[in-house]
Amino acid sequence: MSTNERNTHFQGSAQQVAYKILDLAPGALSAYSRDDQKLIAELIAQYAYDLMAHAIRHINKNAIYTEHPHFDAFMLAIVPDMTEWPPS
């Protein structure tokens, strides 16, 4: 995994989450500099990437090819919560 890929793969969705979070606090967008906003979005992008990698490690590869009627719920049920930030 390249650091660049970890920082940029989910950059678009991370920016949207950052905006949503900053919108919750009145004046937050003006209180944080553009650099701070970029750092917040980068942190969210890293987390999204790490969460996806965590989920992939726990998915039963054979189950992916089945036509289980409750496939989404089944796959979510087998992925445990990621309770710690993974080592970089």
Protein backbone atom coordinates (compact mmCIF):
# COMPACT_ATOMS: atom_id res chain seq x y z
CA MET A 1 0.00 0.00 0.00
CA SER A 2 1.42 3.35 -0.93
CA THR A 3 0.88 6.26 1.42
CA ASN A 4 -0.38 8.30 -1.52
CA GLU A 5 -3.06 5.70 -2.36
CA ARG A 6 -4.15 5.59 1.29
CA ASN A 7 -4.46 9.38 1.34
CA THR A 8 -6.23 9.81 -2.00
CA HIS A 9 -8.32 6.73 -2.84
CA PHE A 10 -11.37 7.94 -0.88
CA GLN A 11 -10.52 11.64 -1.07
CA GLY A 12 -13.84 12.73 -2.65
CA SER A 13 -16.05 11.05 -0.09
CA ALA A 14 -13.73 12.12 2.72
CA GLN A 15 -14.09 15.74 1.69
CA GLN A 16 -17.87 15.40 1.78
CA VAL A 17 -17.72 13.91 5.29
CA ALA A 18 -15.38 16.71 6.42
CA TYR A 19 -17.83 19.32 5.12
CA LYS A 20 -20.72 17.59 6.91
CA ILE A 21 -18.78 17.50 10.19
CA LEU A 22 -17.68 21.13 9.89
CA ASP A 23 -21.25 22.16 9.04
CA LEU A 24 -22.38 20.80 12.42
CA ALA A 25 -20.41 23.47 14.26
CA PRO A 26 -21.49 27.02 13.41
CA GLY A 27 -18.53 28.99 12.08
CA ALA A 28 -16.28 25.93 11.86
CA LEU A 29 -15.59 26.34 8.15
CA SER A 30 -14.28 29.84 8.75
CA ALA A 31 -12.45 28.83 11.94
CA TYR A 32 -10.34 26.18 10.18
CA SER A 33 -7.84 27.12 7.50
CA ARG A 34 -7.88 25.41 4.10
CA ASP A 35 -4.83 23.41 5.21
CA ASP A 36 -6.67 22.26 8.35
CA GLN A 37 -9.68 21.26 6.25
CA LYS A 38 -7.39 19.28 3.92
CA LEU A 39 -5.81 17.51 6.91
CA ILE A 40 -9.24 16.60 8.28
CA ALA A 41 -10.29 15.21 4.88
CA GLU A 42 -7.00 13.30 4.57
CA LEU A 43 -7.50 11.71 7.99
CA ILE A 44 -11.02 10.62 7.00
CA ALA A 45 -9.71 9.25 3.67
CA GLN A 46 -7.04 7.24 5.51
CA TYR A 47 -9.65 5.85 7.87
CA ALA A 48 -11.95 4.88 4.98
CA TYR A 49 -9.06 3.12 3.25
CA ASP A 50 -8.04 1.31 6.45
CA LEU A 51 -11.65 0.33 7.17
CA MET A 52 -12.04 -1.11 3.68
CA ALA A 53 -8.77 -3.06 4.03
CA HIS A 54 -9.97 -4.34 7.42
CA ALA A 55 -13.28 -5.49 5.91
CA ILE A 56 -11.60 -7.20 2.98
CA ARG A 57 -9.39 -9.22 5.35
CA HIS A 58 -12.49 -10.59 7.09
CA ILE A 59 -14.67 -11.36 4.08
CA ASN A 60 -15.02 -15.00 3.11
CA LYS A 61 -13.79 -14.94 -0.49
CA ASN A 62 -15.97 -17.95 -1.40
CA ALA A 63 -19.11 -16.17 -0.18
CA ILE A 64 -18.63 -13.36 -2.66
CA TYR A 65 -19.67 -15.58 -5.55
CA THR A 66 -22.89 -16.87 -4.01
CA GLU A 67 -26.36 -15.54 -4.70
CA HIS A 68 -27.35 -15.42 -1.05
CA PRO A 69 -30.66 -13.52 -0.73
CA HIS A 70 -29.34 -11.52 2.23
CA PHE A 71 -25.79 -11.14 0.92
CA ASP A 72 -25.21 -7.57 2.17
CA ALA A 73 -26.38 -8.30 5.71
CA PHE A 74 -24.40 -11.55 5.72
CA MET A 75 -21.18 -9.81 4.67
CA LEU A 76 -21.65 -6.99 7.19
CA ALA A 77 -22.27 -9.48 9.98
CA ILE A 78 -18.94 -11.26 9.46
CA VAL A 79 -16.81 -8.09 9.50
CA PRO A 80 -15.97 -7.10 13.09
CA ASP A 81 -15.83 -3.51 14.28
CA MET A 82 -12.42 -1.89 13.75
CA THR A 83 -11.84 -0.62 17.29
CA GLU A 84 -8.24 0.57 16.87
CA TRP A 85 -6.45 2.57 14.22
CA PRO A 86 -4.20 0.11 12.35
CA PRO A 87 -0.44 0.62 12.43
CA SER A 88 0.82 2.79 9.57
